[in-house]
Amino acid sequence: MSFVSKEQVDRAKRLDLLPYLQMYEPAELVRCSRNVYTTRTHDSLKISNGKWFWWSRGIGGRSALDYLIKVRGMSFPDAVLLIEDVHPDSAPAFSSQLSQHRPTQFELPEPNRTSHRVTAYLSQRGIHRALIDYCLETGRLYESRRYHNAVFVGFDLEGSPRYAAIRGTTSTRYMGEAAGSDKRYSFSIPASENSTELHLFESAIDLLSYCTLEYLASRDWRQAHKLSLAGIYRPKTIGEDYTPPAALTQYLQSYPQVNRLVLHLDNDEPGRLAAATIQRLLSPVLLVSDEPPKLGKDVNNELMELRRRREAPSR
């Protein structure tokens, strides 16, 4: 069982749910009205006036710690350590002002000495070891020390880290971002040569799943650019101006030679809406192809199913 100190518990209890989601899981947060929010995963969970309540389950609370335990099903020590991991300051000053301002200083979680748990987790998700080793060797992936999360790092053109997606390797499957992450520089694998083609994914794991499919088919998985949107791209409501995802806009500016975009977004309503919106926005300037997963909801589902079929004994 994980050990947490009284000071760690006190710090964790001071972080309300709304600023927690705004800082570390902005893609999960949906605004319902001026002072009311909900989450993409649980639309009956409402957040307002410093409190939250999950109406379909009849439970509520105030802090992010309450949410991680009651909604995410995490143990008390694990929830405390997770908050410590995504906000590692020794004495963070949590206040209502955090709900209005995201941190400006980018801070990567402290790395663990090894990445054994992350390697095992990604292997279980079907990712080929060659892809895992490439990401570890290039600094795009590592294991955090405090919670053994998988940290997927995004870089700018100068090679400086600017973004980090955090993915839990335990049964809770936590998803978040490092403090101060700039979504314009989300996780990506640039082409090994001057490619004009960019493949787009909702998550780093989907990106690596596609690369694994290419590797297993004996194709060059570095031939084209690969970019993760770092979460679901949800276009604005009808009647408002649409804008492409920030990560996609930045990548196209960084690699102006790209003239073809291939979409591998999820086979669900948000994924299909996002794909249709991106096609409408960028078709005038790019050749856009929509190639959703052939099997399952996302690219990782497709990879896992294909691997299951390959490994199944023949009759």
C-alpha atoms as a PDB file:
ATOM      1  CA  MET A   1       0.000   0.000   0.000  1.00  0.00           C
ATOM      2  CA  SER A   2       1.260   3.475  -0.861  1.00  0.00           C
ATOM      3  CA  PHE A   3       2.235   5.755   2.020  1.00  0.00           C
ATOM      4  CA  VAL A   4       1.234   9.407   2.122  1.00  0.00           C
ATOM      5  CA  SER A   5       2.183  11.996   4.705  1.00  0.00           C
ATOM      6  CA  LYS A   6      -0.188  14.313   6.554  1.00  0.00           C
ATOM      7  CA  GLU A   7       1.283  17.257   4.624  1.00  0.00           C
ATOM      8  CA  GLN A   8       0.545  15.551   1.292  1.00  0.00           C
ATOM      9  CA  VAL A   9      -3.038  14.865   2.373  1.00  0.00           C
ATOM     10  CA  ASP A  10      -3.533  18.453   3.517  1.00  0.00           C
ATOM     11  CA  ARG A  11      -2.275  19.792   0.192  1.00  0.00           C
ATOM     12  CA  ALA A  12      -4.468  17.422  -1.806  1.00  0.00           C
ATOM     13  CA  LYS A  13      -7.597  18.397   0.131  1.00  0.00           C
ATOM     14  CA  ARG A  14      -7.076  22.070  -0.720  1.00  0.00           C
ATOM     15  CA  LEU A  15      -7.469  21.578  -4.486  1.00  0.00           C
ATOM     16  CA  ASP A  16     -11.073  22.028  -5.672  1.00  0.00           C
ATOM     17  CA  LEU A  17     -12.354  19.983  -8.601  1.00  0.00           C
ATOM     18  CA  LEU A  18     -12.930  22.834 -11.072  1.00  0.00           C
ATOM     19  CA  PRO A  19      -9.360  24.243 -11.014  1.00  0.00           C
ATOM     20  CA  TYR A  20      -8.007  20.688 -11.063  1.00  0.00           C
ATOM     21  CA  LEU A  21      -9.890  19.913 -14.281  1.00  0.00           C
ATOM     22  CA  GLN A  22      -9.053  23.309 -15.798  1.00  0.00           C
ATOM     23  CA  MET A  23      -5.349  22.816 -15.174  1.00  0.00           C
ATOM     24  CA  TYR A  24      -4.803  19.113 -15.782  1.00  0.00           C
ATOM     25  CA  GLU A  25      -7.799  17.702 -17.704  1.00  0.00           C
ATOM     26  CA  PRO A  26      -9.195  20.609 -19.757  1.00  0.00           C
ATOM     27  CA  ALA A  27     -10.453  18.252 -22.480  1.00  0.00           C
ATOM     28  CA  GLU A  28     -12.704  16.599 -19.877  1.00  0.00           C
ATOM     29  CA  LEU A  29     -14.395  19.856 -18.842  1.00  0.00           C
ATOM     30  CA  VAL A  30     -17.600  21.076 -20.521  1.00  0.00           C
ATOM     31  CA  ARG A  31     -19.240  24.400 -19.714  1.00  0.00           C
ATOM     32  CA  CYS A  32     -23.041  24.172 -19.348  1.00  0.00           C
ATOM     33  CA  SER A  33     -23.794  27.768 -18.370  1.00  0.00           C
ATOM     34  CA  ARG A  34     -22.072  30.798 -16.879  1.00  0.00           C
ATOM     35  CA  ASN A  35     -21.204  29.116 -13.555  1.00  0.00           C
ATOM     36  CA  VAL A  36     -21.975  25.438 -14.153  1.00  0.00           C
ATOM     37  CA  TYR A  37     -19.723  22.779 -15.671  1.00  0.00           C
ATOM     38  CA  THR A  38     -19.971  19.075 -16.376  1.00  0.00           C
ATOM     39  CA  THR A  39     -17.560  16.426 -17.676  1.00  0.00           C
ATOM     40  CA  ARG A  40     -17.430  14.669 -21.012  1.00  0.00           C
ATOM     41  CA  THR A  41     -17.340  11.256 -19.331  1.00  0.00           C
ATOM     42  CA  HIS A  42     -20.260  11.867 -16.920  1.00  0.00           C
ATOM     43  CA  ASP A  43     -22.762  14.437 -18.182  1.00  0.00           C
ATOM     44  CA  SER A  44     -24.877  14.110 -15.012  1.00  0.00           C
ATOM     45  CA  LEU A  45     -21.944  15.308 -12.872  1.00  0.00           C
ATOM     46  CA  LYS A  46     -22.352  19.045 -12.312  1.00  0.00           C
ATOM     47  CA  ILE A  47     -19.753  21.451 -10.899  1.00  0.00           C
ATOM     48  CA  SER A  48     -20.698  24.870  -9.500  1.00  0.00           C
ATOM     49  CA  ASN A  49     -19.963  27.208  -6.582  1.00  0.00           C
ATOM     50  CA  GLY A  50     -16.934  25.235  -5.463  1.00  0.00           C
ATOM     51  CA  LYS A  51     -18.831  21.940  -5.206  1.00  0.00           C
ATOM     52  CA  TRP A  52     -19.722  19.008  -7.449  1.00  0.00           C
ATOM     53  CA  PHE A  53     -22.555  16.492  -7.486  1.00  0.00           C
ATOM     54  CA  TRP A  54     -23.001  13.329  -9.548  1.00  0.00           C
ATOM     55  CA  TRP A  55     -26.776  13.262  -9.940  1.00  0.00           C
ATOM     56  CA  SER A  56     -27.089   9.808 -11.509  1.00  0.00           C
ATOM     57  CA  ARG A  57     -25.256   8.260  -8.535  1.00  0.00           C
ATOM     58  CA  GLY A  58     -26.396  10.620  -5.786  1.00  0.00           C
ATOM     59  CA  ILE A  59     -22.901  11.403  -4.542  1.00  0.00           C
ATOM     60  CA  GLY A  60     -20.940  14.637  -4.373  1.00  0.00           C
ATOM     61  CA  GLY A  61     -18.052  16.525  -2.840  1.00  0.00           C
ATOM     62  CA  ARG A  62     -15.879  19.594  -3.136  1.00  0.00           C
ATOM     63  CA  SER A  63     -12.270  18.657  -3.734  1.00  0.00           C
ATOM     64  CA  ALA A  64     -10.464  16.962  -6.593  1.00  0.00           C
ATOM     65  CA  LEU A  65      -9.496  14.324  -4.030  1.00  0.00           C
ATOM     66  CA  ASP A  66     -13.184  13.515  -3.423  1.00  0.00           C
ATOM     67  CA  TYR A  67     -13.708  13.229  -7.184  1.00  0.00           C
ATOM     68  CA  LEU A  68     -10.763  10.900  -7.801  1.00  0.00           C
ATOM     69  CA  ILE A  69     -11.913   8.577  -5.013  1.00  0.00           C
ATOM     70  CA  LYS A  70     -15.704   8.621  -5.507  1.00  0.00           C
ATOM     71  CA  VAL A  71     -15.906   8.940  -9.292  1.00  0.00           C
ATOM     72  CA  ARG A  72     -12.629   7.508 -10.598  1.00  0.00           C
ATOM     73  CA  GLY A  73     -12.576   4.751  -7.987  1.00  0.00           C
ATOM     74  CA  MET A  74      -9.014   5.399  -6.852  1.00  0.00           C
ATOM     75  CA  SER A  75      -7.748   4.476  -3.415  1.00  0.00           C
ATOM     76  CA  PHE A  76      -7.142   7.349  -0.982  1.00  0.00           C
ATOM     77  CA  PRO A  77      -3.305   7.093  -1.044  1.00  0.00           C
ATOM     78  CA  ASP A  78      -3.205   6.721  -4.827  1.00  0.00           C
ATOM     79  CA  ALA A  79      -5.434   9.781  -5.311  1.00  0.00           C
ATOM     80  CA  VAL A  80      -3.237  11.872  -3.014  1.00  0.00           C
ATOM     81  CA  LEU A  81      -0.085  10.776  -4.822  1.00  0.00           C
ATOM     82  CA  LEU A  82      -1.642  11.492  -8.206  1.00  0.00           C
ATOM     83  CA  ILE A  83      -2.395  15.087  -7.184  1.00  0.00           C
ATOM     84  CA  GLU A  84       1.174  15.358  -5.905  1.00  0.00           C
ATOM     85  CA  ASP A  85       2.423  14.032  -9.233  1.00  0.00           C
ATOM     86  CA  VAL A  86       0.536  16.483 -11.431  1.00  0.00           C
ATOM     87  CA  HIS A  87       1.210  19.404  -9.081  1.00  0.00           C
ATOM     88  CA  PRO A  88       4.588  18.590  -7.509  1.00  0.00           C
ATOM     89  CA  ASP A  89       5.274  21.895  -5.739  1.00  0.00           C
ATOM     90  CA  SER A  90       6.189  21.305  -2.103  1.00  0.00           C
ATOM     91  CA  ALA A  91       3.680  23.868  -0.863  1.00  0.00           C
ATOM     92  CA  PRO A  92       1.197  24.715  -3.628  1.00  0.00           C
ATOM     93  CA  ALA A  93      -1.103  27.644  -2.984  1.00  0.00           C
ATOM     94  CA  PHE A  94      -4.480  26.309  -4.100  1.00  0.00           C
ATOM     95  CA  SER A  95      -7.160  28.998  -4.176  1.00  0.00           C
ATOM     96  CA  SER A  96     -10.259  30.051  -6.046  1.00  0.00           C
ATOM     97  CA  GLN A  97      -8.034  32.170  -8.289  1.00  0.00           C
ATOM     98  CA  LEU A  98      -6.794  28.967  -9.935  1.00  0.00           C
ATOM     99  CA  SER A  99     -10.187  28.592 -11.572  1.00  0.00           C
ATOM    100  CA  GLN A 100      -9.434  31.716 -13.614  1.00  0.00           C
ATOM    101  CA  HIS A 101      -5.751  31.189 -14.487  1.00  0.00           C
ATOM    102  CA  ARG A 102      -3.804  28.197 -15.715  1.00  0.00           C
ATOM    103  CA  PRO A 103      -0.163  27.947 -14.615  1.00  0.00           C
ATOM    104  CA  THR A 104       2.267  29.547 -17.036  1.00  0.00           C
ATOM    105  CA  GLN A 105       5.392  27.624 -16.081  1.00  0.00           C
ATOM    106  CA  PHE A 106       5.704  24.232 -17.743  1.00  0.00           C
ATOM    107  CA  GLU A 107       6.854  21.550 -15.340  1.00  0.00           C
ATOM    108  CA  LEU A 108       7.495  17.919 -16.247  1.00  0.00           C
ATOM    109  CA  PRO A 109       6.857  15.237 -13.593  1.00  0.00           C
ATOM    110  CA  GLU A 110      10.030  13.896 -12.009  1.00  0.00           C
ATOM    111  CA  PRO A 111      11.223  10.810 -13.925  1.00  0.00           C
ATOM    112  CA  ASN A 112      11.614   7.396 -12.363  1.00  0.00           C
ATOM    113  CA  ARG A 113      14.957   5.607 -12.569  1.00  0.00           C
ATOM    114  CA  THR A 114      13.451   2.972 -14.866  1.00  0.00           C
ATOM    115  CA  SER A 115      10.475   2.742 -17.212  1.00  0.00           C
ATOM    116  CA  HIS A 116       9.587  -0.893 -16.550  1.00  0.00           C
ATOM    117  CA  ARG A 117       5.945  -0.250 -15.635  1.00  0.00           C
ATOM    118  CA  VAL A 118       5.343   1.997 -18.626  1.00  0.00           C
ATOM    119  CA  THR A 119       6.928  -0.561 -20.945  1.00  0.00           C
ATOM    120  CA  ALA A 120       4.761  -3.324 -19.498  1.00  0.00           C
ATOM    121  CA  TYR A 121       1.611  -1.181 -19.737  1.00  0.00           C
ATOM    122  CA  LEU A 122       2.157  -0.197 -23.377  1.00  0.00           C
ATOM    123  CA  SER A 123       3.052  -3.786 -24.271  1.00  0.00           C
ATOM    124  CA  GLN A 124      -0.280  -4.856 -22.785  1.00  0.00           C
ATOM    125  CA  ARG A 125      -1.945  -2.281 -25.037  1.00  0.00           C
ATOM    126  CA  GLY A 126      -0.355  -3.997 -28.038  1.00  0.00           C
ATOM    127  CA  ILE A 127       2.352  -1.410 -28.757  1.00  0.00           C
ATOM    128  CA  HIS A 128       5.434  -3.007 -30.316  1.00  0.00           C
ATOM    129  CA  ARG A 129       8.634  -2.856 -28.291  1.00  0.00           C
ATOM    130  CA  ALA A 130      10.442  -1.143 -31.180  1.00  0.00           C
ATOM    131  CA  LEU A 131       8.053   1.811 -30.889  1.00  0.00           C
ATOM    132  CA  ILE A 132       8.362   1.931 -27.103  1.00  0.00           C
ATOM    133  CA  ASP A 133      12.160   1.889 -27.271  1.00  0.00           C
ATOM    134  CA  TYR A 134      12.194   4.654 -29.900  1.00  0.00           C
ATOM    135  CA  CYS A 135      10.044   6.916 -27.716  1.00  0.00           C
ATOM    136  CA  LEU A 136      12.115   6.200 -24.597  1.00  0.00           C
ATOM    137  CA  GLU A 137      15.390   6.840 -26.419  1.00  0.00           C
ATOM    138  CA  THR A 138      14.199  10.127 -27.944  1.00  0.00           C
ATOM    139  CA  GLY A 139      12.742  11.443 -24.660  1.00  0.00           C
ATOM    140  CA  ARG A 140       9.166  11.322 -25.948  1.00  0.00           C
ATOM    141  CA  LEU A 141       8.191   8.856 -23.243  1.00  0.00           C
ATOM    142  CA  TYR A 142       9.217   8.108 -19.679  1.00  0.00           C
ATOM    143  CA  GLU A 143       7.849   6.862 -16.360  1.00  0.00           C
ATOM    144  CA  SER A 144       7.114   9.345 -13.577  1.00  0.00           C
ATOM    145  CA  ARG A 145       8.656   8.657 -10.173  1.00  0.00           C
ATOM    146  CA  ARG A 146       5.783   9.463  -7.817  1.00  0.00           C
ATOM    147  CA  TYR A 147       2.959   7.600  -9.495  1.00  0.00           C
ATOM    148  CA  HIS A 148       4.643   5.539 -12.239  1.00  0.00           C
ATOM    149  CA  ASN A 149       2.502   7.202 -14.909  1.00  0.00           C
ATOM    150  CA  ALA A 150       3.373   7.131 -18.578  1.00  0.00           C
ATOM    151  CA  VAL A 151       4.463  10.641 -19.604  1.00  0.00           C
ATOM    152  CA  PHE A 152       4.198  11.443 -23.338  1.00  0.00           C
ATOM    153  CA  VAL A 153       6.277  14.536 -24.125  1.00  0.00           C
ATOM    154  CA  GLY A 154       5.730  17.030 -26.940  1.00  0.00           C
ATOM    155  CA  PHE A 155       8.554  19.239 -28.291  1.00  0.00           C
ATOM    156  CA  ASP A 156       8.853  22.449 -30.271  1.00  0.00           C
ATOM    157  CA  LEU A 157      11.036  22.698 -33.385  1.00  0.00           C
ATOM    158  CA  GLU A 158      14.069  23.582 -31.251  1.00  0.00           C
ATOM    159  CA  GLY A 159      13.710  20.293 -29.352  1.00  0.00           C
ATOM    160  CA  SER A 160      12.526  21.866 -26.088  1.00  0.00           C
ATOM    161  CA  PRO A 161       9.755  20.044 -24.151  1.00  0.00           C
ATOM    162  CA  ARG A 162       6.549  22.100 -24.211  1.00  0.00           C
ATOM    163  CA  TYR A 163       3.804  19.599 -23.457  1.00  0.00           C
ATOM    164  CA  ALA A 164       3.266  16.359 -21.510  1.00  0.00           C
ATOM    165  CA  ALA A 165       0.251  14.032 -21.529  1.00  0.00           C
ATOM    166  CA  ILE A 166       0.059  11.841 -18.424  1.00  0.00           C
ATOM    167  CA  ARG A 167      -1.512   8.397 -18.621  1.00  0.00           C
ATOM    168  CA  GLY A 168      -1.997   6.099 -15.637  1.00  0.00           C
ATOM    169  CA  THR A 169      -0.565   2.594 -15.882  1.00  0.00           C
ATOM    170  CA  THR A 170      -2.826   1.092 -13.193  1.00  0.00           C
ATOM    171  CA  SER A 171      -6.454  -0.053 -13.376  1.00  0.00           C
ATOM    172  CA  THR A 172      -7.667   3.542 -12.795  1.00  0.00           C
ATOM    173  CA  ARG A 173      -6.353   4.607 -16.252  1.00  0.00           C
ATOM    174  CA  TYR A 174      -5.863   8.224 -15.192  1.00  0.00           C
ATOM    175  CA  MET A 175      -5.523  10.767 -18.021  1.00  0.00           C
ATOM    176  CA  GLY A 176      -4.244  14.320 -17.545  1.00  0.00           C
ATOM    177  CA  GLU A 177      -1.578  16.844 -18.499  1.00  0.00           C
ATOM    178  CA  ALA A 178       1.498  18.265 -16.788  1.00  0.00           C
ATOM    179  CA  ALA A 179       1.148  21.753 -15.319  1.00  0.00           C
ATOM    180  CA  GLY A 180       1.683  24.504 -17.870  1.00  0.00           C
ATOM    181  CA  SER A 181       1.438  22.208 -20.893  1.00  0.00           C
ATOM    182  CA  ASP A 182       1.058  23.999 -24.222  1.00  0.00           C
ATOM    183  CA  LYS A 183      -1.403  22.002 -26.352  1.00  0.00           C
ATOM    184  CA  ARG A 184       0.075  23.467 -29.519  1.00  0.00           C
ATOM    185  CA  TYR A 185       3.047  21.135 -29.037  1.00  0.00           C
ATOM    186  CA  SER A 186       1.348  17.842 -28.246  1.00  0.00           C
ATOM    187  CA  PHE A 187       2.916  14.408 -28.654  1.00  0.00           C
ATOM    188  CA  SER A 188       4.120  13.713 -32.198  1.00  0.00           C
ATOM    189  CA  ILE A 189       6.539  11.668 -34.256  1.00  0.00           C
ATOM    190  CA  PRO A 190       7.868  13.691 -37.203  1.00  0.00           C
ATOM    191  CA  ALA A 191       8.674  11.928 -40.456  1.00  0.00           C
ATOM    192  CA  SER A 192      12.243  10.728 -40.884  1.00  0.00           C
ATOM    193  CA  GLU A 193      12.465  12.617 -44.187  1.00  0.00           C
ATOM    194  CA  ASN A 194      10.752  15.600 -45.808  1.00  0.00           C
ATOM    195  CA  SER A 195       7.264  14.068 -45.967  1.00  0.00           C
ATOM    196  CA  THR A 196       4.193  15.954 -47.196  1.00  0.00           C
ATOM    197  CA  GLU A 197       1.723  13.701 -45.339  1.00  0.00           C
ATOM    198  CA  LEU A 198       0.411  14.076 -41.762  1.00  0.00           C
ATOM    199  CA  HIS A 199      -1.643  11.481 -39.853  1.00  0.00           C
ATOM    200  CA  LEU A 200      -3.845  12.752 -37.022  1.00  0.00           C
ATOM    201  CA  PHE A 201      -4.941  10.884 -33.859  1.00  0.00           C
ATOM    202  CA  GLU A 202      -6.878  11.644 -30.680  1.00  0.00           C
ATOM    203  CA  SER A 203      -4.256  10.224 -28.300  1.00  0.00           C
ATOM    204  CA  ALA A 204      -0.618   9.219 -28.080  1.00  0.00           C
ATOM    205  CA  ILE A 205      -1.601   5.562 -27.611  1.00  0.00           C
ATOM    206  CA  ASP A 206      -3.684   5.636 -30.805  1.00  0.00           C
ATOM    207  CA  LEU A 207      -0.699   7.182 -32.604  1.00  0.00           C
ATOM    208  CA  LEU A 208       1.636   4.442 -31.372  1.00  0.00           C
ATOM    209  CA  SER A 209      -0.994   1.818 -32.201  1.00  0.00           C
ATOM    210  CA  TYR A 210      -1.081   2.984 -35.814  1.00  0.00           C
ATOM    211  CA  CYS A 211       2.724   2.963 -35.981  1.00  0.00           C
ATOM    212  CA  THR A 212       2.648  -0.601 -34.617  1.00  0.00           C
ATOM    213  CA  LEU A 213       0.187  -1.635 -37.334  1.00  0.00           C
ATOM    214  CA  GLU A 214       2.563  -0.156 -39.909  1.00  0.00           C
ATOM    215  CA  TYR A 215       5.527  -1.947 -38.311  1.00  0.00           C
ATOM    216  CA  LEU A 216       3.711  -5.306 -38.264  1.00  0.00           C
ATOM    217  CA  ALA A 217       2.831  -4.839 -41.944  1.00  0.00           C
ATOM    218  CA  SER A 218       6.543  -4.272 -42.705  1.00  0.00           C
ATOM    219  CA  ARG A 219       5.905  -0.668 -43.740  1.00  0.00           C
ATOM    220  CA  ASP A 220       8.071   2.310 -42.783  1.00  0.00           C
ATOM    221  CA  TRP A 221       6.253   3.785 -39.761  1.00  0.00           C
ATOM    222  CA  ARG A 222       8.425   6.941 -39.943  1.00  0.00           C
ATOM    223  CA  GLN A 223       7.611   7.687 -43.567  1.00  0.00           C
ATOM    224  CA  ALA A 224       4.870  10.221 -42.697  1.00  0.00           C
ATOM    225  CA  HIS A 225       4.306  12.685 -39.850  1.00  0.00           C
ATOM    226  CA  LYS A 226       2.164  11.544 -36.881  1.00  0.00           C
ATOM    227  CA  LEU A 227       0.411  13.935 -34.467  1.00  0.00           C
ATOM    228  CA  SER A 228      -1.817  13.425 -31.421  1.00  0.00           C
ATOM    229  CA  LEU A 229      -4.495  16.017 -30.626  1.00  0.00           C
ATOM    230  CA  ALA A 230      -3.989  15.333 -26.895  1.00  0.00           C
ATOM    231  CA  GLY A 231      -7.677  14.591 -26.368  1.00  0.00           C
ATOM    232  CA  ILE A 232     -10.994  14.974 -28.106  1.00  0.00           C
ATOM    233  CA  TYR A 233     -11.369  17.904 -30.476  1.00  0.00           C
ATOM    234  CA  ARG A 234     -14.861  19.252 -29.828  1.00  0.00           C
ATOM    235  CA  PRO A 235     -15.897  21.920 -32.334  1.00  0.00           C
ATOM    236  CA  LYS A 236     -17.855  24.905 -31.073  1.00  0.00           C
ATOM    237  CA  THR A 237     -21.629  24.896 -31.233  1.00  0.00           C
ATOM    238  CA  ILE A 238     -23.437  25.533 -34.492  1.00  0.00           C
ATOM    239  CA  GLY A 239     -23.551  29.230 -35.327  1.00  0.00           C
ATOM    240  CA  GLU A 240     -20.128  30.025 -33.848  1.00  0.00           C
ATOM    241  CA  ASP A 241     -16.833  30.257 -35.677  1.00  0.00           C
ATOM    242  CA  TYR A 242     -14.984  26.973 -36.030  1.00  0.00           C
ATOM    243  CA  THR A 243     -11.228  26.784 -35.511  1.00  0.00           C
ATOM    244  CA  PRO A 244      -8.940  23.795 -36.159  1.00  0.00           C
ATOM    245  CA  PRO A 245      -7.268  22.117 -33.157  1.00  0.00           C
ATOM    246  CA  ALA A 246      -4.368  24.166 -31.805  1.00  0.00           C
ATOM    247  CA  ALA A 247      -1.917  21.267 -32.134  1.00  0.00           C
ATOM    248  CA  LEU A 248      -2.840  20.750 -35.788  1.00  0.00           C
ATOM    249  CA  THR A 249      -2.554  24.450 -36.627  1.00  0.00           C
ATOM    250  CA  GLN A 250       0.888  24.661 -35.007  1.00  0.00           C
ATOM    251  CA  TYR A 251       2.142  21.507 -36.724  1.00  0.00           C
ATOM    252  CA  LEU A 252       1.088  22.751 -40.138  1.00  0.00           C
ATOM    253  CA  GLN A 253       2.907  26.011 -39.466  1.00  0.00           C
ATOM    254  CA  SER A 254       6.025  24.108 -38.388  1.00  0.00           C
ATOM    255  CA  TYR A 255       5.934  21.808 -41.436  1.00  0.00           C
ATOM    256  CA  PRO A 256       4.536  23.950 -44.282  1.00  0.00           C
ATOM    257  CA  GLN A 257       5.384  21.278 -46.854  1.00  0.00           C
ATOM    258  CA  VAL A 258       2.494  19.106 -45.580  1.00  0.00           C
ATOM    259  CA  ASN A 259      -0.261  19.015 -48.182  1.00  0.00           C
ATOM    260  CA  ARG A 260      -2.146  15.852 -47.228  1.00  0.00           C
ATOM    261  CA  LEU A 261      -3.936  15.149 -43.940  1.00  0.00           C
ATOM    262  CA  VAL A 262      -5.141  11.662 -42.940  1.00  0.00           C
ATOM    263  CA  LEU A 263      -7.645  11.497 -40.070  1.00  0.00           C
ATOM    264  CA  HIS A 264      -7.717   8.479 -37.735  1.00  0.00           C
ATOM    265  CA  LEU A 265     -10.217   9.819 -35.192  1.00  0.00           C
ATOM    266  CA  ASP A 266     -12.552   7.643 -33.142  1.00  0.00           C
ATOM    267  CA  ASN A 267     -15.600   5.775 -34.368  1.00  0.00           C
ATOM    268  CA  ASP A 268     -17.971   7.596 -32.022  1.00  0.00           C
ATOM    269  CA  GLU A 269     -20.125  10.714 -32.286  1.00  0.00           C
ATOM    270  CA  PRO A 270     -17.461  13.196 -31.074  1.00  0.00           C
ATOM    271  CA  GLY A 271     -14.821  11.618 -33.309  1.00  0.00           C
ATOM    272  CA  ARG A 272     -17.024  11.676 -36.392  1.00  0.00           C
ATOM    273  CA  LEU A 273     -18.078  15.275 -35.727  1.00  0.00           C
ATOM    274  CA  ALA A 274     -14.445  16.313 -35.286  1.00  0.00           C
ATOM    275  CA  ALA A 275     -13.406  14.564 -38.498  1.00  0.00           C
ATOM    276  CA  ALA A 276     -16.221  16.186 -40.490  1.00  0.00           C
ATOM    277  CA  THR A 277     -15.364  19.623 -39.083  1.00  0.00           C
ATOM    278  CA  ILE A 278     -11.643  19.319 -39.853  1.00  0.00           C
ATOM    279  CA  GLN A 279     -12.463  18.177 -43.376  1.00  0.00           C
ATOM    280  CA  ARG A 280     -14.727  21.163 -43.931  1.00  0.00           C
ATOM    281  CA  LEU A 281     -12.170  23.612 -42.532  1.00  0.00           C
ATOM    282  CA  LEU A 282      -9.057  22.350 -44.274  1.00  0.00           C
ATOM    283  CA  SER A 283     -10.247  20.747 -47.522  1.00  0.00           C
ATOM    284  CA  PRO A 284      -9.824  24.065 -49.377  1.00  0.00           C
ATOM    285  CA  VAL A 285      -6.077  24.045 -48.627  1.00  0.00           C
ATOM    286  CA  LEU A 286      -5.198  20.384 -47.988  1.00  0.00           C
ATOM    287  CA  LEU A 287      -6.109  17.000 -49.364  1.00  0.00           C
ATOM    288  CA  VAL A 288      -7.975  15.508 -46.377  1.00  0.00           C
ATOM    289  CA  SER A 289      -8.752  11.794 -46.079  1.00  0.00           C
ATOM    290  CA  ASP A 290     -10.976  10.344 -43.359  1.00  0.00           C
ATOM    291  CA  GLU A 291      -9.737   6.861 -42.420  1.00  0.00           C
ATOM    292  CA  PRO A 292     -11.355   5.847 -39.102  1.00  0.00           C
ATOM    293  CA  PRO A 293     -10.446   2.512 -37.463  1.00  0.00           C
ATOM    294  CA  LYS A 294     -11.794  -0.478 -39.343  1.00  0.00           C
ATOM    295  CA  LEU A 295     -12.412  -2.382 -36.111  1.00  0.00           C
ATOM    296  CA  GLY A 296     -13.642  -1.039 -32.771  1.00  0.00           C
ATOM    297  CA  LYS A 297     -13.902   2.482 -31.411  1.00  0.00           C
ATOM    298  CA  ASP A 298     -10.318   3.641 -31.829  1.00  0.00           C
ATOM    299  CA  VAL A 299      -6.995   2.684 -33.372  1.00  0.00           C
ATOM    300  CA  ASN A 300      -5.840   0.849 -30.263  1.00  0.00           C
ATOM    301  CA  ASN A 301      -9.018  -1.272 -30.322  1.00  0.00           C
ATOM    302  CA  GLU A 302      -8.239  -2.120 -33.942  1.00  0.00           C
ATOM    303  CA  LEU A 303      -4.659  -3.071 -33.085  1.00  0.00           C
ATOM    304  CA  MET A 304      -5.700  -5.260 -30.150  1.00  0.00           C
ATOM    305  CA  GLU A 305      -8.315  -7.074 -32.218  1.00  0.00           C
ATOM    306  CA  LEU A 306      -5.909  -7.719 -35.083  1.00  0.00           C
ATOM    307  CA  ARG A 307      -3.274  -9.003 -32.676  1.00  0.00           C
ATOM    308  CA  ARG A 308      -5.855 -11.247 -31.013  1.00  0.00           C
ATOM    309  CA  ARG A 309      -6.795 -12.719 -34.378  1.00  0.00           C
ATOM    310  CA  ARG A 310      -3.159 -13.281 -35.311  1.00  0.00           C
ATOM    311  CA  GLU A 311      -2.391 -14.997 -32.018  1.00  0.00           C
ATOM    312  CA  ALA A 312      -5.561 -17.108 -31.900  1.00  0.00           C
ATOM    313  CA  PRO A 313      -4.817 -20.836 -32.532  1.00  0.00           C
ATOM    314  CA  SER A 314      -6.052 -22.084 -35.889  1.00  0.00           C
ATOM    315  CA  ARG A 315      -8.606 -24.876 -35.923  1.00  0.00           C
END
